PDB file of N, CA and C in Angstrom:
ATOM      1  N   MET A   1       0.898  -1.175   0.012  1.00  0.00           N
ATOM      2  CA  MET A   1       0.006  -0.022   0.009  1.00  0.00           C
ATOM      3  C   MET A   1       0.897   1.236  -0.049  1.00  0.00           C
ATOM      4  N   LYS A   2       0.509   2.230  -0.829  1.00  0.00           N
ATOM      5  CA  LYS A   2       1.312   3.373  -0.860  1.00  0.00           C
ATOM      6  C   LYS A   2       1.114   4.239   0.334  1.00  0.00           C
ATOM      7  N   ILE A   3       2.135   4.972   0.657  1.00  0.00           N
ATOM      8  CA  ILE A   3       2.064   6.011   1.763  1.00  0.00           C
ATOM      9  C   ILE A   3       2.399   7.291   1.085  1.00  0.00           C
ATOM     10  N   LEU A   4       1.434   8.288   1.214  1.00  0.00           N
ATOM     11  CA  LEU A   4       1.598   9.624   0.614  1.00  0.00           C
ATOM     12  C   LEU A   4       1.574  10.633   1.723  1.00  0.00           C
ATOM     13  N   ASP A   5       2.278  11.739   1.463  1.00  0.00           N
ATOM     14  CA  ASP A   5       2.217  12.847   2.443  1.00  0.00           C
ATOM     15  C   ASP A   5       0.935  13.749   2.105  1.00  0.00           C
ATOM     16  N   GLN A   6       0.788  14.833   2.788  1.00  0.00           N
ATOM     17  CA  GLN A   6      -0.427  15.679   2.626  1.00  0.00           C
ATOM     18  C   GLN A   6      -0.362  16.330   1.285  1.00  0.00           C
ATOM     19  N   HIS A   7       0.771  16.393   0.547  1.00  0.00           N
ATOM     20  CA  HIS A   7       0.837  17.033  -0.718  1.00  0.00           C
ATOM     21  C   HIS A   7       0.764  16.027  -1.891  1.00  0.00           C
ATOM     22  N   GLY A   8       0.639  14.753  -1.620  1.00  0.00           N
ATOM     23  CA  GLY A   8       0.537  13.679  -2.580  1.00  0.00           C
ATOM     24  C   GLY A   8       1.827  13.090  -3.006  1.00  0.00           C
ATOM     25  N   ASN A   9       2.974  13.401  -2.355  1.00  0.00           N
ATOM     26  CA  ASN A   9       4.280  12.799  -2.585  1.00  0.00           C
ATOM     27  C   ASN A   9       4.359  11.501  -1.880  1.00  0.00           C
ATOM     28  N   GLU A  10       4.903  10.479  -2.616  1.00  0.00           N
ATOM     29  CA  GLU A  10       5.088   9.149  -1.983  1.00  0.00           C
ATOM     30  C   GLU A  10       6.234   9.178  -0.961  1.00  0.00           C
ATOM     31  N   ILE A  11       5.973   8.505   0.175  1.00  0.00           N
ATOM     32  CA  ILE A  11       6.963   8.402   1.216  1.00  0.00           C
ATOM     33  C   ILE A  11       7.298   6.863   1.357  1.00  0.00           C
ATOM     34  N   LEU A  12       8.513   6.539   1.342  1.00  0.00           N
ATOM     35  CA  LEU A  12       8.964   5.163   1.427  1.00  0.00           C
ATOM     36  C   LEU A  12       9.192   4.674   2.810  1.00  0.00           C
ATOM     37  N   ASN A  13       9.780   5.568   3.656  1.00  0.00           N
ATOM     38  CA  ASN A  13      10.119   5.217   5.050  1.00  0.00           C
ATOM     39  C   ASN A  13       9.669   6.345   6.026  1.00  0.00           C
ATOM     40  N   PRO A  14       8.339   6.444   6.367  1.00  0.00           N
ATOM     41  CA  PRO A  14       7.945   7.549   7.188  1.00  0.00           C
ATOM     42  C   PRO A  14       8.469   7.462   8.566  1.00  0.00           C
ATOM     43  N   ASP A  15       8.780   8.621   9.161  1.00  0.00           N
ATOM     44  CA  ASP A  15       9.274   8.662  10.572  1.00  0.00           C
ATOM     45  C   ASP A  15       8.113   8.719  11.466  1.00  0.00           C
ATOM     46  N   LEU A  16       7.717   7.558  12.017  1.00  0.00           N
ATOM     47  CA  LEU A  16       6.533   7.463  12.873  1.00  0.00           C
ATOM     48  C   LEU A  16       6.708   8.126  14.279  1.00  0.00           C
ATOM     49  N   THR A  17       7.913   8.605  14.608  1.00  0.00           N
ATOM     50  CA  THR A  17       8.126   9.361  15.792  1.00  0.00           C
ATOM     51  C   THR A  17       7.718  10.845  15.588  1.00  0.00           C
ATOM     52  N   LYS A  18       7.562  11.240  14.325  1.00  0.00           N
ATOM     53  CA  LYS A  18       7.250  12.647  14.088  1.00  0.00           C
ATOM     54  C   LYS A  18       5.889  12.802  13.376  1.00  0.00           C
ATOM     55  N   GLY A  19       5.136  11.616  13.181  1.00  0.00           N
ATOM     56  CA  GLY A  19       3.886  11.729  12.584  1.00  0.00           C
ATOM     57  C   GLY A  19       3.235  10.357  12.651  1.00  0.00           C
ATOM     58  N   HIS A  20       1.958  10.255  12.101  1.00  0.00           N
ATOM     59  CA  HIS A  20       1.261   9.002  12.126  1.00  0.00           C
ATOM     60  C   HIS A  20       0.574   8.723  10.822  1.00  0.00           C
ATOM     61  N   LEU A  21       0.102   7.524  10.597  1.00  0.00           N
ATOM     62  CA  LEU A  21      -0.449   7.159   9.355  1.00  0.00           C
ATOM     63  C   LEU A  21      -2.010   7.003   9.535  1.00  0.00           C
ATOM     64  N   GLU A  22      -2.779   7.437   8.528  1.00  0.00           N
ATOM     65  CA  GLU A  22      -4.223   7.299   8.512  1.00  0.00           C
ATOM     66  C   GLU A  22      -4.622   6.657   7.195  1.00  0.00           C
ATOM     67  N   LEU A  23      -5.653   5.733   7.280  1.00  0.00           N
ATOM     68  CA  LEU A  23      -6.136   5.170   6.038  1.00  0.00           C
ATOM     69  C   LEU A  23      -6.872   6.240   5.235  1.00  0.00           C
ATOM     70  N   ASP A  24      -6.715   6.251   3.916  1.00  0.00           N
ATOM     71  CA  ASP A  24      -7.333   7.216   3.029  1.00  0.00           C
ATOM     72  C   ASP A  24      -7.549   6.541   1.641  1.00  0.00           C
ATOM     73  N   LYS A  25      -8.229   7.310   0.800  1.00  0.00           N
ATOM     74  CA  LYS A  25      -8.482   6.726  -0.612  1.00  0.00           C
ATOM     75  C   LYS A  25      -7.948   7.847  -1.481  1.00  0.00           C
ATOM     76  N   LEU A  26      -7.221   7.426  -2.504  1.00  0.00           N
ATOM     77  CA  LEU A  26      -6.766   8.340  -3.585  1.00  0.00           C
ATOM     78  C   LEU A  26      -7.694   8.258  -4.801  1.00  0.00           C
ATOM     79  N   THR A  27      -8.212   9.381  -5.164  1.00  0.00           N
ATOM     80  CA  THR A  27      -9.077   9.414  -6.365  1.00  0.00           C
ATOM     81  C   THR A  27      -8.252   9.672  -7.647  1.00  0.00           C
ATOM     82  N   ILE A  28      -8.447   8.823  -8.616  1.00  0.00           N
ATOM     83  CA  ILE A  28      -7.788   8.952  -9.846  1.00  0.00           C
ATOM     84  C   ILE A  28      -8.818   9.197 -10.892  1.00  0.00           C
ATOM     85  N   HIS A  29      -8.777  10.457 -11.552  1.00  0.00           N
ATOM     86  CA  HIS A  29      -9.770  10.795 -12.505  1.00  0.00           C
ATOM     87  C   HIS A  29      -9.282  10.476 -13.938  1.00  0.00           C
ATOM     88  N   HIS A  30     -10.162   9.867 -14.732  1.00  0.00           N
ATOM     89  CA  HIS A  30      -9.901   9.581 -16.129  1.00  0.00           C
ATOM     90  C   HIS A  30     -10.834  10.383 -16.952  1.00  0.00           C
ATOM     91  N   ASP A  31     -10.281  11.245 -17.804  1.00  0.00           N
ATOM     92  CA  ASP A  31     -11.094  12.091 -18.624  1.00  0.00           C
ATOM     93  C   ASP A  31     -11.853  11.272 -19.722  1.00  0.00           C
ATOM     94  N   ALA A  32     -12.962  11.909 -20.204  1.00  0.00           N
ATOM     95  CA  ALA A  32     -13.731  11.249 -21.294  1.00  0.00           C
ATOM     96  C   ALA A  32     -12.872  11.243 -22.568  1.00  0.00           C
ATOM     97  N   VAL A  33     -13.064  10.165 -23.339  1.00  0.00           N
ATOM     98  CA  VAL A  33     -12.395  10.011 -24.621  1.00  0.00           C
ATOM     99  C   VAL A  33     -13.386  10.001 -25.723  1.00  0.00           C
ATOM    100  N   THR A  34     -13.201  10.893 -26.746  1.00  0.00           N
ATOM    101  CA  THR A  34     -14.073  10.946 -27.840  1.00  0.00           C
ATOM    102  C   THR A  34     -13.737   9.862 -28.878  1.00  0.00           C
ATOM    103  N   ALA A  35     -14.771   9.177 -29.333  1.00  0.00           N
ATOM    104  CA  ALA A  35     -14.548   8.125 -30.277  1.00  0.00           C
ATOM    105  C   ALA A  35     -14.115   8.724 -31.593  1.00  0.00           C
ATOM    106  N   VAL A  36     -13.124   7.991 -32.235  1.00  0.00           N
ATOM    107  CA  VAL A  36     -12.583   8.349 -33.562  1.00  0.00           C
ATOM    108  C   VAL A  36     -12.679   7.177 -34.469  1.00  0.00           C
ATOM    109  N   ALA A  37     -13.353   7.375 -35.606  1.00  0.00           N
ATOM    110  CA  ALA A  37     -13.449   6.285 -36.577  1.00  0.00           C
ATOM    111  C   ALA A  37     -12.154   6.075 -37.300  1.00  0.00           C
ATOM    112  N   GLU A  38     -11.847   4.806 -37.562  1.00  0.00           N
ATOM    113  CA  GLU A  38     -10.592   4.517 -38.279  1.00  0.00           C
ATOM    114  C   GLU A  38     -10.640   5.074 -39.738  1.00  0.00           C
ATOM    115  N   GLN A  39      -9.580   5.545 -40.216  1.00  0.00           N
ATOM    116  CA  GLN A  39      -9.515   6.001 -41.598  1.00  0.00           C
ATOM    117  C   GLN A  39      -8.387   5.263 -42.275  1.00  0.00           C
ATOM    118  N   SER A  40      -8.691   4.688 -43.415  1.00  0.00           N
ATOM    119  CA  SER A  40      -7.662   3.849 -44.071  1.00  0.00           C
ATOM    120  C   SER A  40      -7.817   3.885 -45.616  1.00  0.00           C
ATOM    121  N   HIS A  41      -6.807   3.427 -46.268  1.00  0.00           N
ATOM    122  CA  HIS A  41      -6.873   3.339 -47.720  1.00  0.00           C
ATOM    123  C   HIS A  41      -6.192   1.983 -48.161  1.00  0.00           C
ATOM    124  N   ILE A  42      -6.509   1.602 -49.397  1.00  0.00           N
ATOM    125  CA  ILE A  42      -5.873   0.382 -49.971  1.00  0.00           C
ATOM    126  C   ILE A  42      -4.763   0.703 -50.916  1.00  0.00           C
ATOM    127  N   GLU A  43      -3.630   0.042 -50.736  1.00  0.00           N
ATOM    128  CA  GLU A  43      -2.513   0.267 -51.596  1.00  0.00           C
ATOM    129  C   GLU A  43      -2.344  -1.087 -52.395  1.00  0.00           C
ATOM    130  N   VAL A  44      -1.995  -0.947 -53.614  1.00  0.00           N
ATOM    131  CA  VAL A  44      -1.717  -2.089 -54.494  1.00  0.00           C
ATOM    132  C   VAL A  44      -0.220  -2.410 -54.285  1.00  0.00           C
ATOM    133  N   ILE A  45      -0.017  -3.699 -53.888  1.00  0.00           N
ATOM    134  CA  ILE A  45       1.307  -4.197 -53.654  1.00  0.00           C
ATOM    135  C   ILE A  45       1.902  -4.732 -54.981  1.00  0.00           C
ATOM    136  N   LYS A  46       1.062  -5.515 -55.645  1.00  0.00           N
ATOM    137  CA  LYS A  46       1.608  -6.152 -56.941  1.00  0.00           C
ATOM    138  C   LYS A  46       0.424  -6.381 -57.921  1.00  0.00           C
ATOM    139  N   GLU A  47       0.679  -6.141 -59.167  1.00  0.00           N
ATOM    140  CA  GLU A  47      -0.344  -6.426 -60.132  1.00  0.00           C
ATOM    141  C   GLU A  47       0.111  -7.609 -61.049  1.00  0.00           C
ATOM    142  N   TYR A  48      -0.910  -8.440 -61.367  1.00  0.00           N
ATOM    143  CA  TYR A  48      -0.622  -9.680 -62.260  1.00  0.00           C
ATOM    144  C   TYR A  48      -1.100  -9.396 -63.703  1.00  0.00           C
ATOM    145  N   GLU A  49      -0.565 -10.256 -64.642  1.00  0.00           N
ATOM    146  CA  GLU A  49      -0.942 -10.094 -66.057  1.00  0.00           C
ATOM    147  C   GLU A  49      -2.427 -10.406 -66.255  1.00  0.00           C
ATOM    148  N   ASN A  50      -2.962 -11.308 -65.410  1.00  0.00           N
ATOM    149  CA  ASN A  50      -4.411 -11.690 -65.620  1.00  0.00           C
ATOM    150  C   ASN A  50      -5.392 -10.642 -64.967  1.00  0.00           C
ATOM    151  N   GLY A  51      -4.837  -9.521 -64.513  1.00  0.00           N
ATOM    152  CA  GLY A  51      -5.662  -8.459 -63.818  1.00  0.00           C
ATOM    153  C   GLY A  51      -5.750  -8.534 -62.283  1.00  0.00           C
ATOM    154  N   GLY A  52      -5.220  -9.639 -61.756  1.00  0.00           N
ATOM    155  CA  GLY A  52      -5.273  -9.756 -60.306  1.00  0.00           C
ATOM    156  C   GLY A  52      -4.312  -8.811 -59.564  1.00  0.00           C
ATOM    157  N   LYS A  53      -4.610  -8.458 -58.402  1.00  0.00           N
ATOM    158  CA  LYS A  53      -3.730  -7.594 -57.615  1.00  0.00           C
ATOM    159  C   LYS A  53      -3.605  -8.070 -56.219  1.00  0.00           C
ATOM    160  N   ASP A  54      -2.432  -7.831 -55.603  1.00  0.00           N
ATOM    161  CA  ASP A  54      -2.177  -8.016 -54.251  1.00  0.00           C
ATOM    162  C   ASP A  54      -2.386  -6.622 -53.604  1.00  0.00           C
ATOM    163  N   VAL A  55      -3.247  -6.533 -52.587  1.00  0.00           N
ATOM    164  CA  VAL A  55      -3.485  -5.237 -51.951  1.00  0.00           C
ATOM    165  C   VAL A  55      -3.215  -5.323 -50.484  1.00  0.00           C
ATOM    166  N   GLU A  56      -2.995  -4.184 -49.905  1.00  0.00           N
ATOM    167  CA  GLU A  56      -2.798  -4.060 -48.443  1.00  0.00           C
ATOM    168  C   GLU A  56      -3.599  -2.870 -47.872  1.00  0.00           C
ATOM    169  N   LYS A  57      -4.204  -3.116 -46.822  1.00  0.00           N
ATOM    170  CA  LYS A  57      -4.912  -2.026 -46.058  1.00  0.00           C
ATOM    171  C   LYS A  57      -3.883  -1.207 -45.325  1.00  0.00           C
ATOM    172  N   VAL A  58      -3.853   0.064 -45.463  1.00  0.00           N
ATOM    173  CA  VAL A  58      -2.997   0.965 -44.778  1.00  0.00           C
ATOM    174  C   VAL A  58      -3.903   1.881 -43.863  1.00  0.00           C
ATOM    175  N   VAL A  59      -3.584   1.871 -42.566  1.00  0.00           N
ATOM    176  CA  VAL A  59      -4.424   2.673 -41.637  1.00  0.00           C
ATOM    177  C   VAL A  59      -3.739   4.052 -41.527  1.00  0.00           C
ATOM    178  N   ASP A  60      -4.501   5.082 -41.890  1.00  0.00           N
ATOM    179  CA  ASP A  60      -4.018   6.444 -41.804  1.00  0.00           C
ATOM    180  C   ASP A  60      -4.310   7.016 -40.407  1.00  0.00           C
ATOM    181  N   VAL A  61      -5.499   6.791 -39.852  1.00  0.00           N
ATOM    182  CA  VAL A  61      -5.832   7.227 -38.519  1.00  0.00           C
ATOM    183  C   VAL A  61      -6.471   6.094 -37.751  1.00  0.00           C
ATOM    184  N   PRO A  62      -5.778   5.673 -36.726  1.00  0.00           N
ATOM    185  CA  PRO A  62      -6.291   4.474 -36.009  1.00  0.00           C
ATOM    186  C   PRO A  62      -7.643   4.822 -35.321  1.00  0.00           C
ATOM    187  N   GLY A  63      -8.523   3.880 -35.237  1.00  0.00           N
ATOM    188  CA  GLY A  63      -9.751   4.122 -34.517  1.00  0.00           C
ATOM    189  C   GLY A  63      -9.611   4.118 -32.976  1.00  0.00           C
ATOM    190  N   ILE A  64     -10.326   4.883 -32.350  1.00  0.00           N
ATOM    191  CA  ILE A  64     -10.358   4.945 -30.835  1.00  0.00           C
ATOM    192  C   ILE A  64     -11.778   4.681 -30.350  1.00  0.00           C
ATOM    193  N   LEU A  65     -11.872   3.825 -29.354  1.00  0.00           N
ATOM    194  CA  LEU A  65     -13.229   3.615 -28.771  1.00  0.00           C
ATOM    195  C   LEU A  65     -13.409   4.733 -27.723  1.00  0.00           C
ATOM    196  N   GLY A  66     -14.575   5.313 -27.762  1.00  0.00           N
ATOM    197  CA  GLY A  66     -14.872   6.409 -26.829  1.00  0.00           C
ATOM    198  C   GLY A  66     -15.364   5.825 -25.498  1.00  0.00           C
ATOM    199  N   CYS A  67     -15.179   6.665 -24.430  1.00  0.00           N
ATOM    200  CA  CYS A  67     -15.726   6.301 -23.190  1.00  0.00           C
ATOM    201  C   CYS A  67     -16.030   7.535 -22.303  1.00  0.00           C
ATOM    202  N   ASP A  68     -16.949   7.481 -21.442  1.00  0.00           N
ATOM    203  CA  ASP A  68     -17.243   8.559 -20.528  1.00  0.00           C
ATOM    204  C   ASP A  68     -16.160   8.851 -19.526  1.00  0.00           C
ATOM    205  N   ALA A  69     -16.077   9.918 -18.899  1.00  0.00           N
ATOM    206  CA  ALA A  69     -15.163  10.218 -17.829  1.00  0.00           C
ATOM    207  C   ALA A  69     -15.543   9.319 -16.578  1.00  0.00           C
ATOM    208  N   TYR A  70     -14.527   8.871 -15.905  1.00  0.00           N
ATOM    209  CA  TYR A  70     -14.777   8.102 -14.705  1.00  0.00           C
ATOM    210  C   TYR A  70     -13.624   8.266 -13.667  1.00  0.00           C
ATOM    211  N   ASP A  71     -13.955   7.798 -12.484  1.00  0.00           N
ATOM    212  CA  ASP A  71     -12.904   7.855 -11.435  1.00  0.00           C
ATOM    213  C   ASP A  71     -12.669   6.485 -10.883  1.00  0.00           C
ATOM    214  N   THR A  72     -11.407   6.251 -10.536  1.00  0.00           N
ATOM    215  CA  THR A  72     -11.058   5.015  -9.830  1.00  0.00           C
ATOM    216  C   THR A  72     -10.447   5.400  -8.501  1.00  0.00           C
ATOM    217  N   TYR A  73     -10.399   4.512  -7.611  1.00  0.00           N
ATOM    218  CA  TYR A  73      -9.998   4.785  -6.207  1.00  0.00           C
ATOM    219  C   TYR A  73      -8.934   3.773  -5.784  1.00  0.00           C
ATOM    220  N   GLU A  74      -7.913   4.220  -5.087  1.00  0.00           N
ATOM    221  CA  GLU A  74      -6.894   3.428  -4.562  1.00  0.00           C
ATOM    222  C   GLU A  74      -6.709   3.595  -3.102  1.00  0.00           C
ATOM    223  N   ASP A  75      -6.693   2.502  -2.310  1.00  0.00           N
ATOM    224  CA  ASP A  75      -6.435   2.573  -0.919  1.00  0.00           C
ATOM    225  C   ASP A  75      -4.975   2.990  -0.647  1.00  0.00           C
ATOM    226  N   ILE A  76      -4.823   3.960   0.193  1.00  0.00           N
ATOM    227  CA  ILE A  76      -3.492   4.434   0.570  1.00  0.00           C
ATOM    228  C   ILE A  76      -3.427   4.693   2.045  1.00  0.00           C
ATOM    229  N   GLU A  77      -2.263   4.962   2.561  1.00  0.00           N
ATOM    230  CA  GLU A  77      -2.092   5.528   3.923  1.00  0.00           C
ATOM    231  C   GLU A  77      -1.497   6.896   3.777  1.00  0.00           C
ATOM    232  N   ARG A  78      -2.067   7.842   4.548  1.00  0.00           N
ATOM    233  CA  ARG A  78      -1.632   9.230   4.484  1.00  0.00           C
ATOM    234  C   ARG A  78      -0.846   9.508   5.688  1.00  0.00           C
ATOM    235  N   TYR A  79       0.443  10.056   5.496  1.00  0.00           N
ATOM    236  CA  TYR A  79       1.274  10.411   6.627  1.00  0.00           C
ATOM    237  C   TYR A  79       0.951  11.838   7.068  1.00  0.00           C
ATOM    238  N   ILE A  80       0.567  11.920   8.296  1.00  0.00           N
ATOM    239  CA  ILE A  80       0.187  13.181   8.944  1.00  0.00           C
ATOM    240  C   ILE A  80       1.236  13.567  10.012  1.00  0.00           C
ATOM    241  N   PRO A  81       1.994  14.634   9.771  1.00  0.00           N
ATOM    242  CA  PRO A  81       2.982  15.042  10.758  1.00  0.00           C
ATOM    243  C   PRO A  81       2.290  15.520  12.012  1.00  0.00           C
ATOM    244  N   TYR A  82       2.943  15.190  13.188  1.00  0.00           N
ATOM    245  CA  TYR A  82       2.439  15.741  14.449  1.00  0.00           C
ATOM    246  C   TYR A  82       2.691  17.214  14.456  1.00  0.00           C
ATOM    247  N   THR A  83       1.820  17.936  15.146  1.00  0.00           N
ATOM    248  CA  THR A  83       1.939  19.381  15.359  1.00  0.00           C
ATOM    249  C   THR A  83       2.997  19.558  16.486  1.00  0.00           C
ATOM    250  N   ALA A  84       3.490  20.807  16.732  1.00  0.00           N
ATOM    251  CA  ALA A  84       4.418  21.018  17.771  1.00  0.00           C
ATOM    252  C   ALA A  84       3.766  20.681  19.133  1.00  0.00           C
ATOM    253  N   ALA A  85       2.491  21.009  19.333  1.00  0.00           N
ATOM    254  CA  ALA A  85       1.776  20.732  20.594  1.00  0.00           C
ATOM    255  C   ALA A  85       1.701  19.213  20.777  1.00  0.00           C
ATOM    256  N   GLU A  86       1.389  18.438  19.724  1.00  0.00           N
ATOM    257  CA  GLU A  86       1.376  16.990  19.846  1.00  0.00           C
ATOM    258  C   GLU A  86       2.632  16.406  20.190  1.00  0.00           C
ATOM    259  N   LEU A  87       3.686  16.873  19.591  1.00  0.00           N
ATOM    260  CA  LEU A  87       5.055  16.396  19.885  1.00  0.00           C
ATOM    261  C   LEU A  87       5.426  16.674  21.348  1.00  0.00           C
ATOM    262  N   SER A  88       5.034  17.856  21.850  1.00  0.00           N
ATOM    263  CA  SER A  88       5.350  18.223  23.234  1.00  0.00           C
ATOM    264  C   SER A  88       4.512  17.315  24.203  1.00  0.00           C
ATOM    265  N   ALA A  89       3.264  16.995  23.876  1.00  0.00           N
ATOM    266  CA  ALA A  89       2.425  16.063  24.701  1.00  0.00           C
ATOM    267  C   ALA A  89       2.995  14.674  24.690  1.00  0.00           C
ATOM    268  N   ILE A  90       3.553  14.260  23.536  1.00  0.00           N
ATOM    269  CA  ILE A  90       4.126  12.939  23.470  1.00  0.00           C
ATOM    270  C   ILE A  90       5.380  12.850  24.372  1.00  0.00           C
ATOM    271  N   GLU A  91       6.300  13.832  24.278  1.00  0.00           N
ATOM    272  CA  GLU A  91       7.406  13.897  25.116  1.00  0.00           C
ATOM    273  C   GLU A  91       7.073  13.923  26.621  1.00  0.00           C
ATOM    274  N   LYS A  92       6.061  14.680  26.960  1.00  0.00           N
ATOM    275  CA  LYS A  92       5.600  14.708  28.370  1.00  0.00           C
ATOM    276  C   LYS A  92       5.080  13.391  28.808  1.00  0.00           C
ATOM    277  N   GLN A  93       4.391  12.690  27.929  1.00  0.00           N
ATOM    278  CA  GLN A  93       3.839  11.423  28.254  1.00  0.00           C
ATOM    279  C   GLN A  93       4.947  10.409  28.435  1.00  0.00           C
ATOM    280  N   LYS A  94       6.013  10.484  27.626  1.00  0.00           N
ATOM    281  CA  LYS A  94       7.197   9.573  27.797  1.00  0.00           C
ATOM    282  C   LYS A  94       7.820   9.722  29.116  1.00  0.00           C
ATOM    283  N   SER A  95       7.953  11.034  29.562  1.00  0.00           N
ATOM    284  CA  SER A  95       8.659  11.264  30.786  1.00  0.00           C
ATOM    285  C   SER A  95       7.814  10.896  32.043  1.00  0.00           C
ATOM    286  N   THR A  96       6.472  10.801  31.945  1.00  0.00           N
ATOM    287  CA  THR A  96       5.629  10.464  33.041  1.00  0.00           C
ATOM    288  C   THR A  96       5.640   8.972  33.303  1.00  0.00           C
ATOM    289  N   PRO A  97       5.887   8.558  34.560  1.00  0.00           N
ATOM    290  CA  PRO A  97       5.926   7.114  34.818  1.00  0.00           C
ATOM    291  C   PRO A  97       4.558   6.473  34.565  1.00  0.00           C
ATOM    292  N   THR A  98       4.567   5.294  34.010  1.00  0.00           N
ATOM    293  CA  THR A  98       3.292   4.541  33.776  1.00  0.00           C
ATOM    294  C   THR A  98       2.991   3.822  35.042  1.00  0.00           C
ATOM    295  N   ILE A  99       1.769   3.307  35.115  1.00  0.00           N
ATOM    296  CA  ILE A  99       1.314   2.550  36.333  1.00  0.00           C
ATOM    297  C   ILE A  99       2.216   1.354  36.588  1.00  0.00           C
ATOM    298  N   PRO A 100       2.568   0.512  35.601  1.00  0.00           N
ATOM    299  CA  PRO A 100       3.538  -0.587  35.857  1.00  0.00           C
ATOM    300  C   PRO A 100       4.796  -0.073  36.443  1.00  0.00           C
ATOM    301  N   ASP A 101       5.337   1.082  35.943  1.00  0.00           N
ATOM    302  CA  ASP A 101       6.605   1.565  36.492  1.00  0.00           C
ATOM    303  C   ASP A 101       6.381   2.020  37.967  1.00  0.00           C
ATOM    304  N   ARG A 102       5.299   2.616  38.239  1.00  0.00           N
ATOM    305  CA  ARG A 102       4.978   3.029  39.637  1.00  0.00           C
ATOM    306  C   ARG A 102       4.866   1.838  40.544  1.00  0.00           C
ATOM    307  N   LEU A 103       4.189   0.790  40.106  1.00  0.00           N
ATOM    308  CA  LEU A 103       3.987  -0.402  40.871  1.00  0.00           C
ATOM    309  C   LEU A 103       5.278  -1.119  41.133  1.00  0.00           C
ATOM    310  N   ALA A 104       6.171  -1.128  40.148  1.00  0.00           N
ATOM    311  CA  ALA A 104       7.479  -1.675  40.330  1.00  0.00           C
ATOM    312  C   ALA A 104       8.274  -0.906  41.427  1.00  0.00           C
ATOM    313  N   ALA A 105       8.129   0.393  41.282  1.00  0.00           N
ATOM    314  CA  ALA A 105       8.898   1.272  42.308  1.00  0.00           C
ATOM    315  C   ALA A 105       8.368   0.976  43.756  1.00  0.00           C
ATOM    316  N   VAL A 106       7.019   0.851  43.895  1.00  0.00           N
ATOM    317  CA  VAL A 106       6.393   0.535  45.176  1.00  0.00           C
ATOM    318  C   VAL A 106       6.860  -0.744  45.682  1.00  0.00           C
ATOM    319  N   GLU A 107       6.833  -1.762  44.783  1.00  0.00           N
ATOM    320  CA  GLU A 107       7.230  -3.097  45.158  1.00  0.00           C
ATOM    321  C   GLU A 107       8.704  -3.133  45.648  1.00  0.00           C
ATOM    322  N   GLU A 108       9.586  -2.371  44.940  1.00  0.00           N
ATOM    323  CA  GLU A 108      10.932  -2.356  45.273  1.00  0.00           C
ATOM    324  C   GLU A 108      11.123  -1.720  46.659  1.00  0.00           C
ATOM    325  N   LEU A 109      10.309  -0.658  46.932  1.00  0.00           N
ATOM    326  CA  LEU A 109      10.433   0.016  48.143  1.00  0.00           C
ATOM    327  C   LEU A 109       9.938  -0.905  49.276  1.00  0.00           C
ATOM    328  N   LEU A 110       8.886  -1.607  49.151  1.00  0.00           N
ATOM    329  CA  LEU A 110       8.374  -2.494  50.140  1.00  0.00           C
ATOM    330  C   LEU A 110       9.373  -3.619  50.388  1.00  0.00           C
ATOM    331  N   LEU A 111       9.953  -4.211  49.304  1.00  0.00           N
ATOM    332  CA  LEU A 111      10.997  -5.251  49.496  1.00  0.00           C
ATOM    333  C   LEU A 111      12.150  -4.782  50.300  1.00  0.00           C
ATOM    334  N   SER A 112      12.626  -3.520  49.969  1.00  0.00           N
ATOM    335  CA  SER A 112      13.767  -3.006  50.680  1.00  0.00           C
ATOM    336  C   SER A 112      13.420  -2.816  52.178  1.00  0.00           C
ATOM    337  N   GLN A 113      12.209  -2.356  52.486  1.00  0.00           N
ATOM    338  CA  GLN A 113      11.886  -2.190  53.831  1.00  0.00           C
ATOM    339  C   GLN A 113      11.733  -3.476  54.610  1.00  0.00           C
ATOM    340  N   MET A 114      11.163  -4.531  53.891  1.00  0.00           N
ATOM    341  CA  MET A 114      11.073  -5.840  54.503  1.00  0.00           C
ATOM    342  C   MET A 114      12.491  -6.381  54.755  1.00  0.00           C
ATOM    343  N   ILE A 115      13.355  -6.278  53.912  1.00  0.00           N
ATOM    344  CA  ILE A 115      14.789  -6.801  54.040  1.00  0.00           C
ATOM    345  C   ILE A 115      15.417  -5.982  55.187  1.00  0.00           C
ATOM    346  N   GLY A 116      15.299  -4.714  55.058  1.00  0.00           N
ATOM    347  CA  GLY A 116      15.858  -3.842  56.125  1.00  0.00           C
ATOM    348  C   GLY A 116      15.336  -4.018  57.520  1.00  0.00           C
ATOM    349  N   GLY A 117      14.001  -4.330  57.587  1.00  0.00           N
ATOM    350  CA  GLY A 117      13.304  -4.542  58.852  1.00  0.00           C
ATOM    351  C   GLY A 117      13.680  -5.851  59.476  1.00  0.00           C
ATOM    352  N   ASN A 118      14.017  -6.880  58.724  1.00  0.00           N
ATOM    353  CA  ASN A 118      14.309  -8.244  59.168  1.00  0.00           C
ATOM    354  C   ASN A 118      15.773  -8.315  59.633  1.00  0.00           C
ATOM    355  N   ALA A 119      16.645  -7.413  59.222  1.00  0.00           N
ATOM    356  CA  ALA A 119      18.038  -7.512  59.500  1.00  0.00           C
ATOM    357  C   ALA A 119      18.485  -7.088  60.812  1.00  0.00           C
TER     358      ALA A 119
END
């Protein structure tokens, strides 16, 4: 799946510490095509004594099938950079101890008190 930035440029290795990915759809528009009839002529390649001829069809203007305009859609991921405020909040969250960290610290304190109290 392609990863595009907000300007439509493809990103191969996004830095997920400075932004995040969101699912999105890319709209690809195809213009209408006007039908064109083939135009051709016949060229004589060889003439025979009995009046026979070898001929070849030469296409002057190739025919084109017409179609209406249409859109197709491609699933992509859009890279959204974090704002300065979001980066600040992420840094603050990293420096705040999590509940497991706090529980480990309390457990360590209790164990040290139990060992210190028994000695």
